[in-house]
Amino acid sequence: MGALDGRLKNVYLLSGTENYFIDKALEKIFSRLEIDKTTELLTIDCDAKPAIGEIITAIDSSPFFGAKNVVLVKNATIFSADKKSERLERILKDMQPTNYVIFTAKAADKRRRLYKIISQEGLILEAEPLRAWEIDDWLNEKLKAIGKIMRGEARRYFNEQIGVLPQISLWHLENEFEKVVLNVTGEEITAADLKKNLLSPPEVSDFALTEAIDARQAQKSIYLLRTQAKTFSKIPLMTALLANHLRRLLRAKFFMAQGISGRRLGESLEMNPYIAQKVGETAKTYSEKILEEVYVELAEADFKLKTGRAGVEALEKIILKLCKR
């Protein structure tokens, strides 16, 4: 993104699955090009399976109505599929100065000649989803942009809300922070402001179950399970949630046995360091034996649930065993 402030390039590749970064990059490129999108921009969506010749012709055409010819090739497969075009390669190596092309792709193979050509002639963005332990830079930039600050308790609450997620929707956070800005008049965003205005991602509410189990709150745990189980399709999700939690606790115990503890667990567990520290403290309340036993029992329960040989009571027995540890 910083490189987009430099000299304009005639070819760009925006690859990856995090659309937030891709959309932001597109906005910046269009802004730098100062184009009239009605007369100077042509969009080709590869989901419609256009011929490679059609794409090449569009990229290599001279401007008709405007000063520039800008082509956006969306969802391009030429960077991952077993395809190549020497003509396209030649054009990208020697683009007309009035012509610009922006490719977006879900995946791009760095070994392909086309990828290497764009890396030499243009700019490439690798837009991968952020993990919970990588969010601080984004958060700091966002707070700077909206003129707000967040201190200790608010930061901890924010980390707790997102730290349990395997990956983060930045568009969700972007929209939620815009809502916070509308409702917070002062410079500082407090934990109370976040609790009132920041809507947790749907996945976060599911973790109330594992928190209740870790706290040995059997009655609350069973209540939360039965509430989710009212929708039968959610039972496999609860099983997966429990399996992931047990696996995380076992991994934490493994690394702590090697002398890795506290926030240092963050790198090993690939989690936000603050959340990883909490996982480590929780893991100490479990024996390795019970975690391994329950993990096997959970796999058996999952099989029986999926084959109609058991109901939600199979998960209830496992939860009660964990709470009574």
C-alpha atoms as a PDB file:
ATOM      1  CA  MET A   1       0.000   0.000   0.000  1.00  0.00           C
ATOM      2  CA  GLY A   2       2.884   2.326   0.746  1.00  0.00           C
ATOM      3  CA  ALA A   3       4.382   1.620  -2.683  1.00  0.00           C
ATOM      4  CA  LEU A   4       1.192   2.952  -4.310  1.00  0.00           C
ATOM      5  CA  ASP A   5       2.291   6.443  -3.226  1.00  0.00           C
ATOM      6  CA  GLY A   6       5.329   6.129  -5.499  1.00  0.00           C
ATOM      7  CA  ARG A   7       5.614   6.243  -9.265  1.00  0.00           C
ATOM      8  CA  LEU A   8       2.570   4.945 -11.108  1.00  0.00           C
ATOM      9  CA  LYS A   9       2.936   1.533 -12.719  1.00  0.00           C
ATOM     10  CA  ASN A  10       1.157   0.302 -15.822  1.00  0.00           C
ATOM     11  CA  VAL A  11       0.373  -3.140 -14.410  1.00  0.00           C
ATOM     12  CA  TYR A  12      -0.847  -4.289 -10.982  1.00  0.00           C
ATOM     13  CA  LEU A  13      -1.748  -7.661  -9.496  1.00  0.00           C
ATOM     14  CA  LEU A  14      -3.927  -7.724  -6.380  1.00  0.00           C
ATOM     15  CA  SER A  15      -4.020 -11.334  -5.215  1.00  0.00           C
ATOM     16  CA  GLY A  16      -5.402 -13.051  -2.130  1.00  0.00           C
ATOM     17  CA  THR A  17      -8.657 -13.631  -0.280  1.00  0.00           C
ATOM     18  CA  GLU A  18      -8.828 -10.550   1.965  1.00  0.00           C
ATOM     19  CA  ASN A  19     -11.104  -8.294  -0.112  1.00  0.00           C
ATOM     20  CA  TYR A  20     -10.656  -5.443   2.353  1.00  0.00           C
ATOM     21  CA  PHE A  21      -7.043  -4.920   1.246  1.00  0.00           C
ATOM     22  CA  ILE A  22      -7.882  -5.432  -2.424  1.00  0.00           C
ATOM     23  CA  ASP A  23     -10.721  -2.883  -2.315  1.00  0.00           C
ATOM     24  CA  LYS A  24      -8.511  -0.350  -0.513  1.00  0.00           C
ATOM     25  CA  ALA A  25      -5.745  -0.841  -3.079  1.00  0.00           C
ATOM     26  CA  LEU A  26      -8.195  -0.388  -5.960  1.00  0.00           C
ATOM     27  CA  GLU A  27      -9.486   2.842  -4.442  1.00  0.00           C
ATOM     28  CA  LYS A  28      -5.953   4.172  -4.157  1.00  0.00           C
ATOM     29  CA  ILE A  29      -4.934   3.143  -7.678  1.00  0.00           C
ATOM     30  CA  PHE A  30      -8.036   4.735  -9.217  1.00  0.00           C
ATOM     31  CA  SER A  31      -7.400   7.881  -7.181  1.00  0.00           C
ATOM     32  CA  ARG A  32      -3.791   8.093  -8.374  1.00  0.00           C
ATOM     33  CA  LEU A  33      -4.813   7.511 -11.993  1.00  0.00           C
ATOM     34  CA  GLU A  34      -7.487  10.255 -11.749  1.00  0.00           C
ATOM     35  CA  ILE A  35      -9.645   8.449 -14.270  1.00  0.00           C
ATOM     36  CA  ASP A  36     -13.205   8.964 -15.406  1.00  0.00           C
ATOM     37  CA  LYS A  37     -14.656   5.511 -14.669  1.00  0.00           C
ATOM     38  CA  THR A  38     -17.422   5.975 -17.239  1.00  0.00           C
ATOM     39  CA  THR A  39     -15.092   6.576 -20.204  1.00  0.00           C
ATOM     40  CA  GLU A  40     -11.617   5.379 -19.178  1.00  0.00           C
ATOM     41  CA  LEU A  41     -12.304   2.133 -17.277  1.00  0.00           C
ATOM     42  CA  LEU A  42     -13.224  -1.247 -18.734  1.00  0.00           C
ATOM     43  CA  THR A  43     -14.011  -4.110 -16.329  1.00  0.00           C
ATOM     44  CA  ILE A  44     -13.702  -7.737 -17.421  1.00  0.00           C
ATOM     45  CA  ASP A  45     -14.926 -10.377 -14.971  1.00  0.00           C
ATOM     46  CA  CYS A  46     -13.238 -13.730 -15.574  1.00  0.00           C
ATOM     47  CA  ASP A  47     -16.098 -15.526 -13.822  1.00  0.00           C
ATOM     48  CA  ALA A  48     -17.877 -15.001 -17.146  1.00  0.00           C
ATOM     49  CA  LYS A  49     -15.018 -16.944 -18.804  1.00  0.00           C
ATOM     50  CA  PRO A  50     -13.910 -14.383 -21.418  1.00  0.00           C
ATOM     51  CA  ALA A  51     -11.445 -15.533 -24.077  1.00  0.00           C
ATOM     52  CA  ILE A  52      -7.806 -14.681 -23.389  1.00  0.00           C
ATOM     53  CA  GLY A  53      -7.779 -12.857 -26.722  1.00  0.00           C
ATOM     54  CA  GLU A  54     -10.546 -10.537 -25.492  1.00  0.00           C
ATOM     55  CA  ILE A  55      -8.511  -9.643 -22.414  1.00  0.00           C
ATOM     56  CA  ILE A  56      -5.355  -9.026 -24.465  1.00  0.00           C
ATOM     57  CA  THR A  57      -7.193  -6.813 -26.962  1.00  0.00           C
ATOM     58  CA  ALA A  58      -8.671  -4.713 -24.153  1.00  0.00           C
ATOM     59  CA  ILE A  59      -5.282  -4.247 -22.469  1.00  0.00           C
ATOM     60  CA  ASP A  60      -3.478  -3.317 -25.687  1.00  0.00           C
ATOM     61  CA  SER A  61      -6.119  -0.985 -27.166  1.00  0.00           C
ATOM     62  CA  SER A  62      -5.427   2.715 -27.483  1.00  0.00           C
ATOM     63  CA  PRO A  63      -7.708   5.138 -25.588  1.00  0.00           C
ATOM     64  CA  PHE A  64     -10.775   6.235 -27.550  1.00  0.00           C
ATOM     65  CA  PHE A  65     -12.658   8.811 -25.476  1.00  0.00           C
ATOM     66  CA  GLY A  66     -10.295   9.589 -22.603  1.00  0.00           C
ATOM     67  CA  ALA A  67      -6.600  10.176 -22.049  1.00  0.00           C
ATOM     68  CA  LYS A  68      -6.074   6.741 -20.530  1.00  0.00           C
ATOM     69  CA  ASN A  69      -7.130   3.153 -21.164  1.00  0.00           C
ATOM     70  CA  VAL A  70      -7.573   1.360 -17.827  1.00  0.00           C
ATOM     71  CA  VAL A  71      -8.634  -2.295 -17.703  1.00  0.00           C
ATOM     72  CA  LEU A  72      -9.689  -4.074 -14.515  1.00  0.00           C
ATOM     73  CA  VAL A  73      -9.495  -7.862 -14.926  1.00  0.00           C
ATOM     74  CA  LYS A  74     -11.387  -9.376 -11.975  1.00  0.00           C
ATOM     75  CA  ASN A  75     -11.002 -12.928 -10.653  1.00  0.00           C
ATOM     76  CA  ALA A  76      -8.229 -13.725 -13.102  1.00  0.00           C
ATOM     77  CA  THR A  77      -7.315 -17.410 -13.319  1.00  0.00           C
ATOM     78  CA  ILE A  78      -4.249 -17.037 -15.556  1.00  0.00           C
ATOM     79  CA  PHE A  79      -2.004 -16.807 -12.480  1.00  0.00           C
ATOM     80  CA  SER A  80      -2.968 -20.207 -11.116  1.00  0.00           C
ATOM     81  CA  ALA A  81      -4.433 -22.191 -14.009  1.00  0.00           C
ATOM     82  CA  ASP A  82      -2.185 -24.105 -16.369  1.00  0.00           C
ATOM     83  CA  LYS A  83      -2.351 -21.429 -19.035  1.00  0.00           C
ATOM     84  CA  LYS A  84       0.173 -19.124 -20.634  1.00  0.00           C
ATOM     85  CA  SER A  85       0.164 -16.511 -23.363  1.00  0.00           C
ATOM     86  CA  GLU A  86       3.393 -15.274 -24.891  1.00  0.00           C
ATOM     87  CA  ARG A  87       1.505 -12.393 -26.492  1.00  0.00           C
ATOM     88  CA  LEU A  88       0.175 -11.233 -23.104  1.00  0.00           C
ATOM     89  CA  GLU A  89       3.646 -11.549 -21.623  1.00  0.00           C
ATOM     90  CA  ARG A  90       5.097  -9.348 -24.402  1.00  0.00           C
ATOM     91  CA  ILE A  91       2.396  -6.701 -23.904  1.00  0.00           C
ATOM     92  CA  LEU A  92       2.898  -6.528 -20.136  1.00  0.00           C
ATOM     93  CA  LYS A  93       6.646  -6.125 -20.640  1.00  0.00           C
ATOM     94  CA  ASP A  94       6.103  -3.154 -22.965  1.00  0.00           C
ATOM     95  CA  MET A  95       2.815  -1.466 -22.007  1.00  0.00           C
ATOM     96  CA  GLN A  96       1.681   1.625 -23.874  1.00  0.00           C
ATOM     97  CA  PRO A  97       2.269   4.628 -21.575  1.00  0.00           C
ATOM     98  CA  THR A  98      -1.447   5.519 -21.730  1.00  0.00           C
ATOM     99  CA  ASN A  99      -2.561   2.003 -20.783  1.00  0.00           C
ATOM    100  CA  TYR A 100      -2.980   0.456 -17.341  1.00  0.00           C
ATOM    101  CA  VAL A 101      -4.185  -2.985 -16.267  1.00  0.00           C
ATOM    102  CA  ILE A 102      -5.154  -4.182 -12.800  1.00  0.00           C
ATOM    103  CA  PHE A 103      -5.606  -7.898 -12.218  1.00  0.00           C
ATOM    104  CA  THR A 104      -7.363  -9.312  -9.154  1.00  0.00           C
ATOM    105  CA  ALA A 105      -7.017 -13.010  -8.327  1.00  0.00           C
ATOM    106  CA  LYS A 106      -7.886 -15.276  -5.418  1.00  0.00           C
ATOM    107  CA  ALA A 107      -4.544 -17.037  -5.813  1.00  0.00           C
ATOM    108  CA  ALA A 108      -1.337 -16.467  -7.768  1.00  0.00           C
ATOM    109  CA  ASP A 109       1.491 -18.929  -8.335  1.00  0.00           C
ATOM    110  CA  LYS A 110       4.796 -17.101  -7.839  1.00  0.00           C
ATOM    111  CA  ARG A 111       6.582 -19.635 -10.033  1.00  0.00           C
ATOM    112  CA  ARG A 112       4.758 -18.602 -13.202  1.00  0.00           C
ATOM    113  CA  ARG A 113       6.392 -16.351 -15.798  1.00  0.00           C
ATOM    114  CA  LEU A 114       3.439 -13.969 -15.769  1.00  0.00           C
ATOM    115  CA  TYR A 115       3.788 -13.409 -12.021  1.00  0.00           C
ATOM    116  CA  LYS A 116       7.517 -12.764 -12.369  1.00  0.00           C
ATOM    117  CA  ILE A 117       6.944 -10.302 -15.214  1.00  0.00           C
ATOM    118  CA  ILE A 118       4.465  -8.266 -13.147  1.00  0.00           C
ATOM    119  CA  SER A 119       6.796  -8.307 -10.148  1.00  0.00           C
ATOM    120  CA  GLN A 120       9.472  -6.745 -12.394  1.00  0.00           C
ATOM    121  CA  GLU A 121       7.284  -4.326 -14.365  1.00  0.00           C
ATOM    122  CA  GLY A 122       4.576  -3.418 -11.865  1.00  0.00           C
ATOM    123  CA  LEU A 123       3.378  -3.954  -8.308  1.00  0.00           C
ATOM    124  CA  ILE A 124       1.898  -6.989  -6.567  1.00  0.00           C
ATOM    125  CA  LEU A 125      -0.277  -7.029  -3.448  1.00  0.00           C
ATOM    126  CA  GLU A 126      -0.591 -10.247  -1.430  1.00  0.00           C
ATOM    127  CA  ALA A 127      -3.889  -9.707   0.366  1.00  0.00           C
ATOM    128  CA  GLU A 128      -4.074 -12.497   2.920  1.00  0.00           C
ATOM    129  CA  PRO A 129      -6.437 -12.398   5.918  1.00  0.00           C
ATOM    130  CA  LEU A 130      -4.989 -11.084   9.149  1.00  0.00           C
ATOM    131  CA  ARG A 131      -4.767 -13.346  12.162  1.00  0.00           C
ATOM    132  CA  ALA A 132      -5.605 -12.178  15.660  1.00  0.00           C
ATOM    133  CA  TRP A 133      -1.958 -11.686  16.631  1.00  0.00           C
ATOM    134  CA  GLU A 134      -1.369  -9.463  13.573  1.00  0.00           C
ATOM    135  CA  ILE A 135      -4.156  -6.962  14.211  1.00  0.00           C
ATOM    136  CA  ASP A 136      -2.261  -4.319  16.219  1.00  0.00           C
ATOM    137  CA  ASP A 137      -0.816  -2.496  13.193  1.00  0.00           C
ATOM    138  CA  TRP A 138      -4.228  -2.304  11.527  1.00  0.00           C
ATOM    139  CA  LEU A 139      -5.844  -1.122  14.762  1.00  0.00           C
ATOM    140  CA  ASN A 140      -3.227   1.568  15.346  1.00  0.00           C
ATOM    141  CA  GLU A 141      -3.637   2.882  11.787  1.00  0.00           C
ATOM    142  CA  LYS A 142      -7.421   2.859  12.146  1.00  0.00           C
ATOM    143  CA  LEU A 143      -7.327   4.743  15.462  1.00  0.00           C
ATOM    144  CA  LYS A 144      -4.964   7.294  13.932  1.00  0.00           C
ATOM    145  CA  ALA A 145      -7.267   7.748  10.937  1.00  0.00           C
ATOM    146  CA  ILE A 146     -10.349   8.372  13.106  1.00  0.00           C
ATOM    147  CA  GLY A 147      -8.486  10.507  15.671  1.00  0.00           C
ATOM    148  CA  LYS A 148      -9.137   8.212  18.645  1.00  0.00           C
ATOM    149  CA  ILE A 149      -7.077   6.405  21.257  1.00  0.00           C
ATOM    150  CA  MET A 150      -7.621   3.134  23.126  1.00  0.00           C
ATOM    151  CA  ARG A 151      -5.843   2.297  26.368  1.00  0.00           C
ATOM    152  CA  GLY A 152      -5.366  -0.708  28.686  1.00  0.00           C
ATOM    153  CA  GLU A 153      -8.828  -2.054  29.536  1.00  0.00           C
ATOM    154  CA  ALA A 154     -10.295  -1.181  26.126  1.00  0.00           C
ATOM    155  CA  ARG A 155      -7.377  -2.859  24.347  1.00  0.00           C
ATOM    156  CA  ARG A 156      -7.776  -5.975  26.480  1.00  0.00           C
ATOM    157  CA  TYR A 157     -11.514  -6.157  25.777  1.00  0.00           C
ATOM    158  CA  PHE A 158     -10.895  -5.707  22.041  1.00  0.00           C
ATOM    159  CA  ASN A 159      -8.254  -8.460  22.056  1.00  0.00           C
ATOM    160  CA  GLU A 160     -10.590 -10.812  23.915  1.00  0.00           C
ATOM    161  CA  GLN A 161     -13.306 -10.271  21.328  1.00  0.00           C
ATOM    162  CA  ILE A 162     -11.148 -11.051  18.300  1.00  0.00           C
ATOM    163  CA  GLY A 163      -8.364 -13.141  19.804  1.00  0.00           C
ATOM    164  CA  VAL A 164     -10.337 -16.363  19.648  1.00  0.00           C
ATOM    165  CA  LEU A 165     -11.038 -16.094  15.917  1.00  0.00           C
ATOM    166  CA  PRO A 166      -8.978 -18.128  13.429  1.00  0.00           C
ATOM    167  CA  GLN A 167      -9.146 -15.163  11.060  1.00  0.00           C
ATOM    168  CA  ILE A 168     -10.675 -11.719  11.077  1.00  0.00           C
ATOM    169  CA  SER A 169     -13.113  -9.904   8.801  1.00  0.00           C
ATOM    170  CA  LEU A 170     -11.565  -6.459   8.412  1.00  0.00           C
ATOM    171  CA  TRP A 171     -14.688  -5.157   6.691  1.00  0.00           C
ATOM    172  CA  HIS A 172     -16.635  -6.156   9.815  1.00  0.00           C
ATOM    173  CA  LEU A 173     -14.195  -4.268  12.063  1.00  0.00           C
ATOM    174  CA  GLU A 174     -14.114  -1.280   9.714  1.00  0.00           C
ATOM    175  CA  ASN A 175     -17.909  -0.967   9.812  1.00  0.00           C
ATOM    176  CA  GLU A 176     -18.042  -1.473  13.578  1.00  0.00           C
ATOM    177  CA  PHE A 177     -15.429   1.218  14.232  1.00  0.00           C
ATOM    178  CA  GLU A 178     -17.359   3.648  12.048  1.00  0.00           C
ATOM    179  CA  LYS A 179     -20.338   3.002  14.333  1.00  0.00           C
ATOM    180  CA  VAL A 180     -18.182   3.573  17.422  1.00  0.00           C
ATOM    181  CA  VAL A 181     -16.976   6.912  16.020  1.00  0.00           C
ATOM    182  CA  LEU A 182     -20.569   8.088  15.575  1.00  0.00           C
ATOM    183  CA  ASN A 183     -21.375   7.322  19.210  1.00  0.00           C
ATOM    184  CA  VAL A 184     -18.172   8.340  21.013  1.00  0.00           C
ATOM    185  CA  THR A 185     -17.701  12.095  21.319  1.00  0.00           C
ATOM    186  CA  GLY A 186     -14.432  12.213  23.272  1.00  0.00           C
ATOM    187  CA  GLU A 187     -10.925  11.367  22.092  1.00  0.00           C
ATOM    188  CA  GLU A 188     -10.672   8.087  24.020  1.00  0.00           C
ATOM    189  CA  ILE A 189     -12.600   4.896  23.235  1.00  0.00           C
ATOM    190  CA  THR A 190     -13.181   3.056  26.501  1.00  0.00           C
ATOM    191  CA  ALA A 191     -14.054  -0.586  27.167  1.00  0.00           C
ATOM    192  CA  ALA A 192     -17.578   0.575  28.023  1.00  0.00           C
ATOM    193  CA  ASP A 193     -17.815   2.264  24.598  1.00  0.00           C
ATOM    194  CA  LEU A 194     -16.788  -0.961  22.884  1.00  0.00           C
ATOM    195  CA  LYS A 195     -19.216  -3.095  24.890  1.00  0.00           C
ATOM    196  CA  LYS A 196     -22.029  -0.724  23.991  1.00  0.00           C
ATOM    197  CA  ASN A 197     -21.248  -0.137  20.315  1.00  0.00           C
ATOM    198  CA  LEU A 198     -18.974  -2.865  18.972  1.00  0.00           C
ATOM    199  CA  LEU A 199     -20.934  -5.850  17.714  1.00  0.00           C
ATOM    200  CA  SER A 200     -18.921  -9.031  18.145  1.00  0.00           C
ATOM    201  CA  PRO A 201     -18.450 -11.270  15.125  1.00  0.00           C
ATOM    202  CA  PRO A 202     -20.933 -14.169  15.255  1.00  0.00           C
ATOM    203  CA  GLU A 203     -18.158 -16.620  16.135  1.00  0.00           C
ATOM    204  CA  VAL A 204     -17.312 -14.828  19.392  1.00  0.00           C
ATOM    205  CA  SER A 205     -20.636 -15.605  21.079  1.00  0.00           C
ATOM    206  CA  ASP A 206     -19.992 -19.316  20.539  1.00  0.00           C
ATOM    207  CA  PHE A 207     -16.937 -19.128  22.768  1.00  0.00           C
ATOM    208  CA  ALA A 208     -19.124 -18.385  25.796  1.00  0.00           C
ATOM    209  CA  LEU A 209     -19.548 -22.176  25.979  1.00  0.00           C
ATOM    210  CA  THR A 210     -15.835 -22.950  26.249  1.00  0.00           C
ATOM    211  CA  GLU A 211     -15.373 -20.116  28.734  1.00  0.00           C
ATOM    212  CA  ALA A 212     -18.110 -21.599  30.937  1.00  0.00           C
ATOM    213  CA  ILE A 213     -16.520 -25.059  30.707  1.00  0.00           C
ATOM    214  CA  ASP A 214     -13.093 -23.670  31.639  1.00  0.00           C
ATOM    215  CA  ALA A 215     -14.678 -21.933  34.627  1.00  0.00           C
ATOM    216  CA  ARG A 216     -16.291 -25.266  35.688  1.00  0.00           C
ATOM    217  CA  GLN A 217     -19.776 -23.740  35.345  1.00  0.00           C
ATOM    218  CA  ALA A 218     -21.649 -26.940  34.511  1.00  0.00           C
ATOM    219  CA  GLN A 219     -25.195 -25.545  34.641  1.00  0.00           C
ATOM    220  CA  LYS A 220     -24.334 -22.573  32.435  1.00  0.00           C
ATOM    221  CA  SER A 221     -22.415 -24.797  30.002  1.00  0.00           C
ATOM    222  CA  ILE A 222     -25.348 -27.188  29.537  1.00  0.00           C
ATOM    223  CA  TYR A 223     -27.731 -24.254  29.113  1.00  0.00           C
ATOM    224  CA  LEU A 224     -25.536 -22.721  26.390  1.00  0.00           C
ATOM    225  CA  LEU A 225     -25.201 -26.055  24.601  1.00  0.00           C
ATOM    226  CA  ARG A 226     -28.960 -26.709  24.645  1.00  0.00           C
ATOM    227  CA  THR A 227     -29.654 -23.172  23.421  1.00  0.00           C
ATOM    228  CA  GLN A 228     -27.416 -23.735  20.384  1.00  0.00           C
ATOM    229  CA  ALA A 229     -28.710 -27.285  19.854  1.00  0.00           C
ATOM    230  CA  LYS A 230     -32.254 -25.984  19.269  1.00  0.00           C
ATOM    231  CA  THR A 231     -30.997 -25.504  15.723  1.00  0.00           C
ATOM    232  CA  PHE A 232     -29.820 -29.003  14.798  1.00  0.00           C
ATOM    233  CA  SER A 233     -27.381 -27.743  12.156  1.00  0.00           C
ATOM    234  CA  LYS A 234     -25.400 -26.021  14.906  1.00  0.00           C
ATOM    235  CA  ILE A 235     -24.547 -29.268  16.733  1.00  0.00           C
ATOM    236  CA  PRO A 236     -21.622 -30.144  14.394  1.00  0.00           C
ATOM    237  CA  LEU A 237     -20.361 -26.581  14.861  1.00  0.00           C
ATOM    238  CA  MET A 238     -20.410 -27.055  18.645  1.00  0.00           C
ATOM    239  CA  THR A 239     -18.492 -30.320  18.253  1.00  0.00           C
ATOM    240  CA  ALA A 240     -15.870 -28.595  16.101  1.00  0.00           C
ATOM    241  CA  LEU A 241     -15.666 -25.728  18.589  1.00  0.00           C
ATOM    242  CA  LEU A 242     -14.988 -28.124  21.471  1.00  0.00           C
ATOM    243  CA  ALA A 243     -12.441 -30.087  19.429  1.00  0.00           C
ATOM    244  CA  ASN A 244     -10.533 -26.927  18.514  1.00  0.00           C
ATOM    245  CA  HIS A 245     -10.548 -25.783  22.135  1.00  0.00           C
ATOM    246  CA  LEU A 246      -9.223 -29.118  23.418  1.00  0.00           C
ATOM    247  CA  ARG A 247      -6.549 -29.172  20.721  1.00  0.00           C
ATOM    248  CA  ARG A 248      -5.466 -25.642  21.659  1.00  0.00           C
ATOM    249  CA  LEU A 249      -5.206 -26.580  25.344  1.00  0.00           C
ATOM    250  CA  LEU A 250      -3.157 -29.685  24.507  1.00  0.00           C
ATOM    251  CA  ARG A 251      -0.798 -27.663  22.330  1.00  0.00           C
ATOM    252  CA  ALA A 252      -0.413 -25.066  25.073  1.00  0.00           C
ATOM    253  CA  LYS A 253       0.531 -27.793  27.573  1.00  0.00           C
ATOM    254  CA  PHE A 254       3.031 -29.214  25.059  1.00  0.00           C
ATOM    255  CA  PHE A 255       4.790 -25.868  24.572  1.00  0.00           C
ATOM    256  CA  MET A 256       4.718 -25.003  28.285  1.00  0.00           C
ATOM    257  CA  ALA A 257       6.440 -28.333  28.985  1.00  0.00           C
ATOM    258  CA  GLN A 258       9.258 -27.026  26.757  1.00  0.00           C
ATOM    259  CA  GLY A 259       9.578 -23.855  28.822  1.00  0.00           C
ATOM    260  CA  ILE A 260       7.469 -21.554  26.622  1.00  0.00           C
ATOM    261  CA  SER A 261       4.945 -19.667  28.724  1.00  0.00           C
ATOM    262  CA  GLY A 262       3.033 -16.412  29.140  1.00  0.00           C
ATOM    263  CA  ARG A 263       2.734 -14.172  26.117  1.00  0.00           C
ATOM    264  CA  ARG A 264       5.570 -16.060  24.436  1.00  0.00           C
ATOM    265  CA  LEU A 265       2.962 -18.742  23.690  1.00  0.00           C
ATOM    266  CA  GLY A 266       1.426 -16.376  21.135  1.00  0.00           C
ATOM    267  CA  GLU A 267       3.914 -17.242  18.394  1.00  0.00           C
ATOM    268  CA  SER A 268       3.772 -20.986  19.053  1.00  0.00           C
ATOM    269  CA  LEU A 269      -0.032 -21.096  19.198  1.00  0.00           C
ATOM    270  CA  GLU A 270      -0.382 -18.520  16.393  1.00  0.00           C
ATOM    271  CA  MET A 271      -2.626 -16.365  18.557  1.00  0.00           C
ATOM    272  CA  ASN A 272      -2.722 -12.878  19.970  1.00  0.00           C
ATOM    273  CA  PRO A 273      -0.122 -12.971  22.816  1.00  0.00           C
ATOM    274  CA  TYR A 274      -2.646 -11.741  25.382  1.00  0.00           C
ATOM    275  CA  ILE A 275      -5.136 -14.475  24.476  1.00  0.00           C
ATOM    276  CA  ALA A 276      -2.371 -17.091  24.284  1.00  0.00           C
ATOM    277  CA  GLN A 277      -1.360 -16.218  27.845  1.00  0.00           C
ATOM    278  CA  LYS A 278      -4.953 -16.829  28.978  1.00  0.00           C
ATOM    279  CA  VAL A 279      -5.027 -20.159  27.125  1.00  0.00           C
ATOM    280  CA  GLY A 280      -1.841 -21.173  28.922  1.00  0.00           C
ATOM    281  CA  GLU A 281      -3.299 -20.301  32.322  1.00  0.00           C
ATOM    282  CA  THR A 282      -6.453 -22.257  31.464  1.00  0.00           C
ATOM    283  CA  ALA A 283      -4.445 -25.278  30.280  1.00  0.00           C
ATOM    284  CA  LYS A 284      -2.886 -25.529  33.745  1.00  0.00           C
ATOM    285  CA  THR A 285      -6.329 -26.357  35.177  1.00  0.00           C
ATOM    286  CA  TYR A 286      -6.595 -29.482  32.999  1.00  0.00           C
ATOM    287  CA  SER A 287      -4.585 -32.684  33.176  1.00  0.00           C
ATOM    288  CA  GLU A 288      -3.158 -33.951  29.928  1.00  0.00           C
ATOM    289  CA  LYS A 289      -4.885 -37.279  30.610  1.00  0.00           C
ATOM    290  CA  ILE A 290      -8.414 -35.841  30.734  1.00  0.00           C
ATOM    291  CA  LEU A 291      -7.831 -33.699  27.642  1.00  0.00           C
ATOM    292  CA  GLU A 292      -6.670 -36.719  25.634  1.00  0.00           C
ATOM    293  CA  GLU A 293      -9.521 -38.920  26.923  1.00  0.00           C
ATOM    294  CA  VAL A 294     -12.185 -36.343  26.139  1.00  0.00           C
ATOM    295  CA  TYR A 295     -10.700 -35.652  22.717  1.00  0.00           C
ATOM    296  CA  VAL A 296     -11.190 -39.329  21.779  1.00  0.00           C
ATOM    297  CA  GLU A 297     -14.685 -39.373  23.317  1.00  0.00           C
ATOM    298  CA  LEU A 298     -15.578 -36.260  21.331  1.00  0.00           C
ATOM    299  CA  ALA A 299     -14.531 -37.923  18.072  1.00  0.00           C
ATOM    300  CA  GLU A 300     -16.755 -40.904  18.907  1.00  0.00           C
ATOM    301  CA  ALA A 301     -19.664 -38.631  19.809  1.00  0.00           C
ATOM    302  CA  ASP A 302     -19.234 -36.698  16.567  1.00  0.00           C
ATOM    303  CA  PHE A 303     -19.466 -39.928  14.551  1.00  0.00           C
ATOM    304  CA  LYS A 304     -22.589 -41.072  16.397  1.00  0.00           C
ATOM    305  CA  LEU A 305     -24.240 -37.651  16.038  1.00  0.00           C
ATOM    306  CA  LYS A 306     -23.600 -37.581  12.296  1.00  0.00           C
ATOM    307  CA  THR A 307     -24.939 -41.131  11.844  1.00  0.00           C
ATOM    308  CA  GLY A 308     -28.050 -40.536  13.956  1.00  0.00           C
ATOM    309  CA  ARG A 309     -26.956 -42.924  16.706  1.00  0.00           C
ATOM    310  CA  ALA A 310     -26.787 -40.271  19.435  1.00  0.00           C
ATOM    311  CA  GLY A 311     -28.295 -36.940  20.394  1.00  0.00           C
ATOM    312  CA  VAL A 312     -27.038 -33.805  22.100  1.00  0.00           C
ATOM    313  CA  GLU A 313     -26.782 -35.742  25.385  1.00  0.00           C
ATOM    314  CA  ALA A 314     -23.525 -37.251  24.049  1.00  0.00           C
ATOM    315  CA  LEU A 315     -21.984 -33.771  24.164  1.00  0.00           C
ATOM    316  CA  GLU A 316     -23.579 -33.031  27.536  1.00  0.00           C
ATOM    317  CA  LYS A 317     -21.748 -36.012  29.102  1.00  0.00           C
ATOM    318  CA  ILE A 318     -18.440 -34.739  27.749  1.00  0.00           C
ATOM    319  CA  ILE A 319     -19.077 -31.197  28.991  1.00  0.00           C
ATOM    320  CA  LEU A 320     -19.971 -32.421  32.462  1.00  0.00           C
ATOM    321  CA  LYS A 321     -16.788 -34.500  32.585  1.00  0.00           C
ATOM    322  CA  LEU A 322     -14.711 -31.431  31.735  1.00  0.00           C
ATOM    323  CA  CYS A 323     -16.506 -29.263  34.287  1.00  0.00           C
ATOM    324  CA  LYS A 324     -15.982 -31.857  37.039  1.00  0.00           C
ATOM    325  CA  ARG A 325     -12.262 -32.291  36.353  1.00  0.00           C
END
